[in-house]
Amino acid sequence: MKLQFGLYLALLHVALLAAVLAFARSRPWLFVSLEAALLVSCVIGYRLLARALEPLAYTQHFHSLLQDGEYAARLLAPGHRRQPELEQLVQLFNAMLSRLYEERLKLGEQQGLLDRLLEATPSAVIVFDFDGRISVLNAAASALLGVDNPIGKPLHYWLDAPTERRARCAALLEQLDRIPADSGALLSDSAGRRYRGQRGHFHDRGFKRQFLLVDELTAELADSEHATYDKLIRVMGHEVNNTVAATASVLDSLLYYRDQLAEGDADDFSTAIVAVKRRNVQLGEFIERFTRVVKMPAPELRPVELPALLDGIVALYREPCRSRGITLAWARRDTVPLLAMDSQLMEQALLNVVKNAMEAVEATMQEQGLNAGTVTLALHREDGSVHLSITDSGRRLAGVPASQLFTPFFSTKKGGQGIGLLFVREVLNRHGYSHRLAADEHGDTCFELWLTAPAA
């Protein structure tokens, strides 16, 4: 624009100069006066052009400051002459820069607060980009997902991945991936931990982006369940034990009348009474198993040699397994440090796991007509933790939802009541150990346990 306006002034004065040349011979003094007037007009025109375009220069400078994010900078009005319009424009630009600077500070403080809140909150927060890939996740979400380099990948990346790259929490990831937009769901993983997942959205540059909030409810629900089970089982135990004791006394008394019956009737009478007594005892033992779970004492932590404890379990079950055609053996047995645990509770819990594995393999062998099965133990030390796995070839978890594991009254065994796994979960939760029960890459059932090793 400056060039165009300058060209216009130049052409205009050239035309006027050509007109003035007509007076050069006839009226020389008039010619000189007009030449001087044209020169003065040209100078004034260019000065007015410079002043007219000066706001444009300030606008360009203001635009450069905005592009560079220099909101703390300020424009200076020309001090050598008074130009009210230009001064107002500079004041307006400076006011805009001040407001942007304040907004930027406020936004930075809010962003810093948000970052600190995200890192401090126990809830897992996962934010996705416009294409559904993970863009932000806090420390709780990183620990929950347990995957490497999650940024830029969708949740189903680890579900569709090859077996060696599948996430340890694949069951939970699958449930998270299925949560519909703007809704929530109760979730559970293969270790029996339960979560509440909520999928929401926010707008970024006019487009929707989704996020996930995941809260672990294991402790809260476990306390609630424990209190409910405690009340229920105590009432049941009281009533059943009273009934069992009274029934046993009556049955014993009835046996005194055996000799008063005919010989044929006496045998049938005795057989019926003994059967009822046996069932009576089984009912008492059934209630007692539940009572042991709710009356479990607090763990007494002492240094324990876990390999030695496991050796005792292997020695106890090796012969029962051998007689059934099942091989019980170590696949790996690392030397690990002493671990703080309640040896009696932990031994009983691991006995239940090995016993369940043996019974699962035996049931599968009978169903499929197999002659052999395996139960394998592996103990190895990882960075800062000890990992124990007990794997069996029973393959009883096919199609079993993770949410049903470690819950009362659910069992894959015929006639099972789910008390064993409930006891195992209670023991491990009281010790604070992470655990998982799921099918491995070969379809075998694998129970995994992560124990924290003491610092060296």
Protein backbone atom coordinates (compact mmCIF):
# COMPACT_ATOMS: atom_id res chain seq x y z
CA MET A 1 0.00 0.00 0.00
CA LYS A 2 2.87 2.37 0.84
CA LEU A 3 4.44 1.77 -2.58
CA GLN A 4 1.14 2.27 -4.39
CA PHE A 5 0.37 5.52 -2.58
CA GLY A 6 3.92 6.79 -3.16
CA LEU A 7 3.65 5.95 -6.84
CA TYR A 8 0.38 7.84 -6.99
CA LEU A 9 1.96 10.96 -5.46
CA ALA A 10 4.91 10.73 -7.82
CA LEU A 11 2.71 10.44 -10.92
CA LEU A 12 0.50 13.28 -9.74
CA HIS A 13 3.43 15.64 -9.22
CA VAL A 14 5.03 14.61 -12.51
CA ALA A 15 1.78 15.51 -14.28
CA LEU A 16 1.63 18.84 -12.48
CA LEU A 17 5.29 19.48 -13.33
CA ALA A 18 4.53 18.89 -17.00
CA ALA A 19 1.69 21.41 -16.79
CA VAL A 20 3.90 23.96 -15.03
CA LEU A 21 6.55 23.71 -17.79
CA ALA A 22 4.12 25.60 -20.06
CA PHE A 23 4.85 28.76 -18.05
CA ALA A 24 8.64 28.36 -18.20
CA ARG A 25 9.09 30.80 -21.16
CA SER A 26 6.11 33.11 -20.87
CA ARG A 27 6.02 33.63 -17.13
CA PRO A 28 9.32 32.54 -15.54
CA TRP A 29 8.50 33.93 -12.08
CA LEU A 30 5.21 32.05 -12.02
CA PHE A 31 7.03 28.95 -13.16
CA VAL A 32 9.51 29.24 -10.30
CA SER A 33 6.75 29.76 -7.76
CA LEU A 34 4.80 26.76 -9.00
CA GLU A 35 7.92 24.61 -8.94
CA ALA A 36 8.52 25.56 -5.31
CA ALA A 37 4.89 24.84 -4.48
CA LEU A 38 5.15 21.40 -6.12
CA LEU A 39 8.29 20.60 -4.15
CA VAL A 40 6.65 21.60 -0.87
CA SER A 41 3.54 19.57 -1.81
CA CYS A 42 5.67 16.50 -2.56
CA VAL A 43 7.46 16.73 0.80
CA ILE A 44 4.21 17.24 2.70
CA GLY A 45 2.59 14.33 0.83
CA TYR A 46 5.35 11.91 1.75
CA ARG A 47 5.33 13.01 5.40
CA LEU A 48 1.57 12.58 5.57
CA LEU A 49 1.96 9.17 3.92
CA ALA A 50 4.51 8.13 6.56
CA ARG A 51 2.25 9.27 9.41
CA ALA A 52 -0.79 7.60 7.82
CA LEU A 53 1.03 4.27 7.55
CA GLU A 54 2.66 4.45 11.00
CA PRO A 55 -0.31 2.67 12.73
CA LEU A 56 0.14 -0.16 10.25
CA ALA A 57 3.74 -0.60 11.42
CA TYR A 58 2.54 -0.78 15.04
CA THR A 59 -0.09 -3.32 14.00
CA GLN A 60 2.57 -5.48 12.35
CA HIS A 61 4.76 -5.23 15.47
CA PHE A 62 1.78 -6.19 17.63
CA HIS A 63 1.11 -9.19 15.37
CA SER A 64 4.73 -10.30 15.70
CA LEU A 65 4.52 -10.12 19.49
CA LEU A 66 1.38 -12.26 19.43
CA GLN A 67 2.99 -14.84 17.18
CA ASP A 68 6.08 -15.05 19.40
CA GLY A 69 4.00 -15.17 22.58
CA GLU A 70 5.77 -12.09 23.97
CA TYR A 71 2.78 -10.93 26.00
CA ALA A 72 4.98 -9.20 28.59
CA ALA A 73 6.37 -6.75 25.98
CA ARG A 74 4.86 -3.28 25.47
CA LEU A 75 4.65 -0.91 22.49
CA LEU A 76 6.03 2.65 22.81
CA ALA A 77 4.21 5.60 21.26
CA PRO A 78 6.36 8.14 19.37
CA GLY A 79 7.53 10.77 21.85
CA HIS A 80 8.81 13.44 19.46
CA ARG A 81 5.33 14.52 18.32
CA ARG A 82 1.84 14.29 19.63
CA GLN A 83 -0.48 11.96 17.73
CA PRO A 84 -3.62 11.27 19.81
CA GLU A 85 -4.99 8.64 17.44
CA LEU A 86 -1.71 6.71 17.39
CA GLU A 87 -1.35 6.97 21.16
CA GLN A 88 -4.87 5.57 21.60
CA LEU A 89 -4.01 2.70 19.27
CA VAL A 90 -0.80 1.92 21.21
CA GLN A 91 -2.71 2.06 24.51
CA LEU A 92 -5.28 -0.33 23.08
CA PHE A 93 -2.59 -2.76 21.91
CA ASN A 94 -0.80 -2.56 25.28
CA ALA A 95 -4.07 -3.19 27.14
CA MET A 96 -4.67 -6.26 24.98
CA LEU A 97 -1.13 -7.50 25.67
CA SER A 98 -1.63 -6.98 29.42
CA ARG A 99 -4.89 -8.89 29.37
CA LEU A 100 -3.34 -11.73 27.35
CA TYR A 101 -0.38 -11.82 29.74
CA GLU A 102 -2.70 -12.08 32.76
CA GLU A 103 -4.77 -14.78 31.06
CA ARG A 104 -1.62 -16.68 30.17
CA LEU A 105 -0.38 -16.52 33.76
CA LYS A 106 -3.76 -17.64 35.03
CA LEU A 107 -3.93 -20.45 32.50
CA GLY A 108 -0.39 -21.53 33.39
CA GLU A 109 -1.23 -21.58 37.09
CA GLN A 110 -4.40 -23.56 36.40
CA GLN A 111 -2.48 -25.97 34.18
CA GLY A 112 0.17 -26.39 36.85
CA LEU A 113 -2.52 -27.03 39.46
CA LEU A 114 -4.25 -29.50 37.14
CA ASP A 115 -0.97 -31.34 36.52
CA ARG A 116 -0.28 -31.58 40.25
CA LEU A 117 -3.84 -32.75 40.92
CA LEU A 118 -3.58 -35.39 38.21
CA GLU A 119 -0.36 -36.72 39.69
CA ALA A 120 -1.64 -36.62 43.27
CA THR A 121 -5.08 -38.11 42.72
CA PRO A 122 -5.45 -41.83 43.43
CA SER A 123 -7.90 -42.08 40.54
CA ALA A 124 -6.51 -43.21 37.21
CA VAL A 125 -7.02 -40.54 34.55
CA ILE A 126 -6.59 -41.40 30.86
CA VAL A 127 -7.13 -38.71 28.21
CA PHE A 128 -7.46 -39.56 24.52
CA ASP A 129 -6.77 -37.47 21.43
CA PHE A 130 -9.22 -36.92 18.58
CA ASP A 131 -8.40 -40.36 17.11
CA GLY A 132 -8.91 -42.28 20.37
CA ARG A 133 -5.21 -42.65 21.16
CA ILE A 134 -3.84 -42.05 24.64
CA SER A 135 -2.43 -38.53 24.95
CA VAL A 136 -2.27 -37.97 28.72
CA LEU A 137 -2.26 -40.31 31.71
CA ASN A 138 -1.30 -39.74 35.32
CA ALA A 139 0.85 -41.86 37.63
CA ALA A 140 -2.13 -43.87 38.90
CA ALA A 141 -3.14 -44.72 35.32
CA SER A 142 0.42 -45.75 34.44
CA ALA A 143 0.51 -48.11 37.40
CA LEU A 144 -2.95 -49.45 36.56
CA LEU A 145 -2.28 -50.12 32.88
CA GLY A 146 1.16 -51.60 33.48
CA VAL A 147 2.22 -51.12 29.85
CA ASP A 148 5.27 -49.53 28.23
CA ASN A 149 5.09 -46.35 26.15
CA PRO A 150 1.29 -45.97 26.13
CA ILE A 151 1.26 -42.46 24.63
CA GLY A 152 -0.07 -42.46 21.09
CA LYS A 153 -1.65 -45.92 21.30
CA PRO A 154 -5.34 -46.88 21.69
CA LEU A 155 -6.47 -49.22 24.45
CA HIS A 156 -7.14 -52.06 22.02
CA TYR A 157 -3.46 -51.93 20.93
CA TRP A 158 -2.56 -54.36 23.72
CA LEU A 159 -5.64 -56.52 23.13
CA ASP A 160 -4.87 -57.04 19.44
CA ALA A 161 -1.14 -57.41 20.07
CA PRO A 162 0.78 -60.71 19.94
CA THR A 163 0.80 -62.76 23.11
CA GLU A 164 4.23 -61.63 24.28
CA ARG A 165 3.13 -57.99 24.12
CA ARG A 166 -0.29 -58.34 25.75
CA ALA A 167 -0.73 -56.31 28.89
CA ARG A 168 -0.80 -57.96 32.28
CA CYS A 169 -4.15 -56.27 32.89
CA ALA A 170 -5.65 -57.25 29.52
CA ALA A 171 -8.97 -58.24 31.12
CA LEU A 172 -9.35 -54.77 32.65
CA LEU A 173 -8.24 -53.02 29.46
CA GLU A 174 -10.86 -54.92 27.48
CA GLN A 175 -13.60 -53.79 29.87
CA LEU A 176 -12.37 -50.19 29.81
CA ASP A 177 -12.35 -50.20 26.02
CA ARG A 178 -16.00 -51.33 25.98
CA ILE A 179 -17.36 -48.55 28.23
CA PRO A 180 -19.74 -46.43 26.08
CA ALA A 181 -19.30 -42.67 25.81
CA ASP A 182 -20.65 -40.61 28.73
CA SER A 183 -21.44 -43.63 30.87
CA GLY A 184 -19.87 -45.74 33.62
CA ALA A 185 -19.47 -49.38 34.61
CA LEU A 186 -18.21 -51.57 37.42
CA LEU A 187 -15.12 -53.51 36.37
CA SER A 188 -12.88 -56.22 37.77
CA ASP A 189 -9.54 -57.70 36.84
CA SER A 190 -8.20 -61.23 37.00
CA ALA A 191 -6.84 -60.62 40.51
CA GLY A 192 -10.31 -59.97 41.90
CA ARG A 193 -9.79 -56.22 42.27
CA ARG A 194 -12.83 -54.15 41.40
CA TYR A 195 -13.04 -50.72 39.83
CA ARG A 196 -15.52 -48.07 38.81
CA GLY A 197 -14.87 -46.73 35.31
CA GLN A 198 -16.41 -43.55 33.89
CA ARG A 199 -15.99 -42.36 30.29
CA GLY A 200 -16.67 -38.67 29.65
CA HIS A 201 -15.76 -36.02 27.11
CA PHE A 202 -14.67 -32.40 26.79
CA HIS A 203 -14.31 -30.02 23.85
CA ASP A 204 -10.93 -29.08 22.47
CA ARG A 205 -10.83 -26.57 19.59
CA GLY A 206 -14.47 -27.30 18.87
CA PHE A 207 -14.14 -31.10 18.74
CA LYS A 208 -14.90 -33.78 21.31
CA ARG A 209 -12.14 -35.62 23.14
CA GLN A 210 -12.82 -38.47 25.53
CA PHE A 211 -11.29 -39.36 28.88
CA LEU A 212 -11.54 -42.21 31.37
CA LEU A 213 -11.67 -42.00 35.16
CA VAL A 214 -10.98 -45.26 36.99
CA ASP A 215 -11.32 -45.64 40.77
CA GLU A 216 -10.39 -48.81 42.60
CA LEU A 217 -13.18 -49.99 44.87
CA THR A 218 -11.47 -53.14 46.13
CA ALA A 219 -10.79 -51.99 49.67
CA GLU A 220 -14.12 -50.18 50.03
CA LEU A 221 -16.17 -53.07 48.67
CA ALA A 222 -14.05 -55.63 50.49
CA ASP A 223 -14.70 -53.90 53.82
CA SER A 224 -18.42 -53.69 53.04
CA GLU A 225 -18.55 -57.32 51.90
CA HIS A 226 -16.50 -58.45 54.87
CA ALA A 227 -18.86 -56.73 57.30
CA THR A 228 -21.88 -58.21 55.52
CA TYR A 229 -20.39 -61.71 55.36
CA ASP A 230 -19.32 -61.45 58.97
CA LYS A 231 -22.84 -60.64 60.14
CA LEU A 232 -24.47 -63.17 57.85
CA ILE A 233 -22.08 -66.02 58.61
CA ARG A 234 -22.10 -65.37 62.35
CA VAL A 235 -25.90 -65.57 62.37
CA MET A 236 -25.86 -68.62 60.12
CA GLY A 237 -23.09 -70.23 62.15
CA HIS A 238 -24.92 -69.66 65.41
CA GLU A 239 -28.20 -71.06 64.13
CA VAL A 240 -26.67 -73.95 62.21
CA ASN A 241 -24.30 -74.96 65.03
CA ASN A 242 -27.17 -74.96 67.51
CA THR A 243 -29.27 -77.01 65.13
CA VAL A 244 -26.38 -79.39 64.33
CA ALA A 245 -25.63 -79.94 68.02
CA ALA A 246 -29.28 -80.56 68.88
CA THR A 247 -29.74 -82.82 65.86
CA ALA A 248 -26.61 -84.82 66.70
CA SER A 249 -27.85 -85.33 70.25
CA VAL A 250 -31.28 -86.48 69.03
CA LEU A 251 -29.72 -88.83 66.48
CA ASP A 252 -27.48 -90.39 69.11
CA SER A 253 -30.51 -90.87 71.32
CA LEU A 254 -32.43 -92.52 68.50
CA LEU A 255 -29.71 -95.14 68.09
CA TYR A 256 -30.67 -96.50 71.54
CA TYR A 257 -33.95 -97.70 70.05
CA ARG A 258 -32.20 -99.87 67.47
CA ASP A 259 -32.33 -102.99 69.62
CA GLN A 260 -36.09 -102.61 70.03
CA LEU A 261 -36.66 -103.04 66.29
CA ALA A 262 -36.81 -106.17 64.20
CA GLU A 263 -33.46 -107.27 62.83
CA GLY A 264 -34.24 -106.24 59.24
CA ASP A 265 -35.65 -102.91 60.26
CA ALA A 266 -32.80 -102.24 62.71
CA ASP A 267 -30.17 -102.29 59.95
CA ASP A 268 -32.11 -99.88 57.77
CA PHE A 269 -32.76 -97.68 60.79
CA SER A 270 -29.07 -97.58 61.72
CA THR A 271 -28.00 -96.88 58.14
CA ALA A 272 -30.41 -93.94 57.89
CA ILE A 273 -29.35 -92.49 61.23
CA VAL A 274 -25.63 -92.75 60.34
CA ALA A 275 -26.26 -91.08 56.95
CA VAL A 276 -28.11 -88.22 58.61
CA LYS A 277 -25.32 -87.83 61.19
CA ARG A 278 -22.70 -87.73 58.44
CA ARG A 279 -24.65 -85.07 56.59
CA ASN A 280 -25.05 -83.20 59.85
CA VAL A 281 -21.27 -83.17 60.34
CA GLN A 282 -20.73 -81.99 56.74
CA LEU A 283 -23.13 -79.11 57.30
CA GLY A 284 -21.16 -78.07 60.36
CA GLU A 285 -17.89 -78.27 58.44
CA PHE A 286 -19.40 -76.20 55.61
CA ILE A 287 -20.28 -73.39 57.99
CA GLU A 288 -16.91 -73.70 59.73
CA ARG A 289 -15.07 -73.08 56.45
CA PHE A 290 -16.92 -69.80 55.97
CA THR A 291 -16.37 -68.87 59.59
CA ARG A 292 -12.59 -69.29 59.19
CA VAL A 293 -12.60 -66.67 56.42
CA VAL A 294 -14.43 -63.96 58.38
CA LYS A 295 -12.65 -64.78 61.64
CA MET A 296 -9.20 -64.71 60.04
CA PRO A 297 -6.73 -63.05 62.43
CA ALA A 298 -4.55 -60.12 61.39
CA PRO A 299 -1.28 -61.32 59.78
CA GLU A 300 1.71 -61.57 62.11
CA LEU A 301 4.56 -60.58 59.84
CA ARG A 302 7.88 -62.32 60.33
CA PRO A 303 10.81 -63.06 57.98
CA VAL A 304 9.99 -66.20 56.01
CA GLU A 305 11.97 -68.27 53.49
CA LEU A 306 9.39 -68.55 50.73
CA PRO A 307 11.28 -71.25 48.75
CA ALA A 308 11.41 -73.47 51.81
CA LEU A 309 7.71 -72.92 52.47
CA LEU A 310 6.90 -73.88 48.88
CA ASP A 311 9.18 -76.94 49.09
CA GLY A 312 7.03 -78.18 51.96
CA ILE A 313 3.86 -77.76 49.88
CA VAL A 314 5.43 -79.57 46.91
CA ALA A 315 6.53 -82.43 49.16
CA LEU A 316 3.02 -82.67 50.65
CA TYR A 317 1.23 -82.90 47.30
CA ARG A 318 3.83 -84.71 45.20
CA GLU A 319 2.56 -88.22 46.07
CA PRO A 320 -1.18 -87.40 45.69
CA CYS A 321 -0.34 -85.87 42.30
CA ARG A 322 1.80 -88.85 41.25
CA SER A 323 -0.96 -91.30 42.11
CA ARG A 324 -3.29 -89.37 39.80
CA GLY A 325 -0.82 -89.18 36.92
CA ILE A 326 -0.03 -85.52 37.55
CA THR A 327 3.51 -84.16 37.54
CA LEU A 328 4.13 -81.56 40.25
CA ALA A 329 7.52 -79.88 39.81
CA TRP A 330 9.54 -76.71 39.83
CA ALA A 331 10.09 -74.92 36.51
CA ARG A 332 12.29 -72.29 38.10
CA ARG A 333 13.43 -71.71 41.67
CA ASP A 334 15.49 -68.58 42.28
CA THR A 335 17.12 -67.67 45.55
CA VAL A 336 15.05 -64.84 47.03
CA PRO A 337 15.50 -62.80 50.21
CA LEU A 338 13.49 -63.30 53.38
CA LEU A 339 9.99 -61.88 53.01
CA ALA A 340 7.83 -60.44 55.77
CA MET A 341 4.62 -62.49 55.94
CA ASP A 342 2.44 -64.62 58.16
CA SER A 343 3.81 -68.06 57.34
CA GLN A 344 0.74 -69.97 58.56
CA LEU A 345 -1.78 -67.88 56.62
CA MET A 346 0.40 -67.79 53.51
CA GLU A 347 1.06 -71.52 53.64
CA GLN A 348 -2.67 -72.25 53.91
CA ALA A 349 -3.43 -69.91 51.02
CA LEU A 350 -0.80 -71.48 48.75
CA LEU A 351 -1.93 -74.96 49.80
CA ASN A 352 -5.39 -74.03 48.55
CA VAL A 353 -3.97 -72.84 45.23
CA VAL A 354 -1.93 -76.01 44.65
CA LYS A 355 -4.84 -78.21 45.75
CA ASN A 356 -7.20 -76.39 43.38
CA ALA A 357 -4.68 -76.82 40.56
CA MET A 358 -4.36 -80.56 41.24
CA GLU A 359 -8.14 -81.05 41.35
CA ALA A 360 -8.63 -79.00 38.16
CA VAL A 361 -6.08 -81.11 36.28
CA GLU A 362 -7.62 -84.34 37.60
CA ALA A 363 -11.12 -83.23 36.49
CA THR A 364 -9.86 -82.34 33.02
CA MET A 365 -8.03 -85.64 32.68
CA GLN A 366 -11.21 -87.55 33.56
CA GLU A 367 -13.38 -85.50 31.21
CA GLN A 368 -11.01 -85.75 28.25
CA GLY A 369 -9.64 -89.24 28.92
CA LEU A 370 -6.06 -88.02 29.41
CA ASN A 371 -3.36 -90.00 31.19
CA ALA A 372 -1.14 -87.13 32.32
CA GLY A 373 -1.26 -83.55 33.53
CA THR A 374 1.08 -81.00 35.04
CA VAL A 375 1.23 -78.51 37.89
CA THR A 376 4.30 -76.26 37.63
CA LEU A 377 5.75 -73.76 40.08
CA ALA A 378 8.09 -70.91 39.12
CA LEU A 379 9.75 -68.53 41.55
CA HIS A 380 12.05 -65.79 40.32
CA ARG A 381 13.25 -62.45 41.51
CA GLU A 382 12.45 -59.37 39.44
CA ASP A 383 13.51 -55.77 39.93
CA GLY A 384 12.35 -54.95 43.43
CA SER A 385 9.87 -57.81 43.67
CA VAL A 386 9.51 -61.57 43.79
CA HIS A 387 7.21 -63.27 41.30
CA LEU A 388 5.55 -66.61 41.96
CA SER A 389 3.46 -68.48 39.41
CA ILE A 390 1.56 -71.76 39.77
CA THR A 391 0.41 -73.10 36.42
CA ASP A 392 -1.76 -76.14 35.75
CA SER A 393 -2.90 -77.87 32.59
CA GLY A 394 -6.52 -78.06 33.77
CA ARG A 395 -7.63 -75.19 31.55
CA ARG A 396 -10.78 -74.56 33.62
CA LEU A 397 -10.97 -70.78 33.05
CA ALA A 398 -12.01 -70.83 29.38
CA GLY A 399 -14.95 -68.44 29.04
CA VAL A 400 -15.00 -67.54 32.75
CA PRO A 401 -15.41 -63.75 33.26
CA ALA A 402 -12.73 -62.23 35.45
CA SER A 403 -15.43 -60.60 37.60
CA GLN A 404 -16.59 -64.01 38.86
CA LEU A 405 -13.21 -65.10 40.18
CA PHE A 406 -12.44 -64.73 43.90
CA THR A 407 -16.14 -64.33 44.72
CA PRO A 408 -18.13 -66.44 47.19
CA PHE A 409 -20.13 -69.41 45.91
CA PHE A 410 -18.43 -69.41 42.50
CA SER A 411 -16.21 -72.34 41.57
CA THR A 412 -15.17 -74.16 38.41
CA LYS A 413 -15.11 -77.42 40.39
CA LYS A 414 -18.14 -79.64 40.50
CA GLY A 415 -19.71 -79.16 43.91
CA GLY A 416 -17.26 -76.35 44.78
CA GLN A 417 -18.37 -73.42 46.92
CA GLY A 418 -15.65 -70.88 46.09
CA ILE A 419 -14.50 -70.66 49.69
CA GLY A 420 -10.91 -71.59 48.88
CA LEU A 421 -10.28 -68.69 46.51
CA LEU A 422 -12.17 -66.36 48.83
CA PHE A 423 -9.76 -67.35 51.61
CA VAL A 424 -6.77 -66.89 49.28
CA ARG A 425 -7.92 -63.40 48.27
CA GLU A 426 -8.44 -62.41 51.90
CA VAL A 427 -4.95 -63.57 52.90
CA LEU A 428 -3.21 -61.86 49.99
CA ASN A 429 -5.15 -58.62 50.39
CA ARG A 430 -4.25 -58.48 54.08
CA HIS A 431 -0.60 -58.86 53.10
CA GLY A 432 -0.93 -56.24 50.36
CA TYR A 433 0.24 -58.61 47.61
CA SER A 434 -0.87 -58.20 44.00
CA HIS A 435 -2.18 -61.38 42.41
CA ARG A 436 -3.89 -62.60 39.29
CA LEU A 437 -5.68 -65.74 38.14
CA ALA A 438 -6.09 -66.11 34.39
CA ALA A 439 -5.37 -68.31 31.41
CA ASP A 440 -1.85 -67.90 29.97
CA GLU A 441 -0.89 -67.74 26.30
CA HIS A 442 -1.18 -71.54 26.01
CA GLY A 443 -4.61 -71.70 27.64
CA ASP A 444 -3.29 -73.19 30.88
CA THR A 445 -4.54 -71.77 34.17
CA CYS A 446 -1.93 -69.54 35.80
CA PHE A 447 -2.03 -68.09 39.30
CA GLU A 448 0.49 -65.24 39.70
CA LEU A 449 1.63 -63.52 42.85
CA TRP A 450 3.88 -60.45 43.20
CA LEU A 451 5.61 -60.05 46.55
CA THR A 452 7.65 -56.97 47.45
CA ALA A 453 11.26 -57.76 48.22
CA PRO A 454 13.03 -55.82 50.99
CA ALA A 455 15.50 -53.14 49.96
CA ALA A 456 19.11 -54.29 49.80
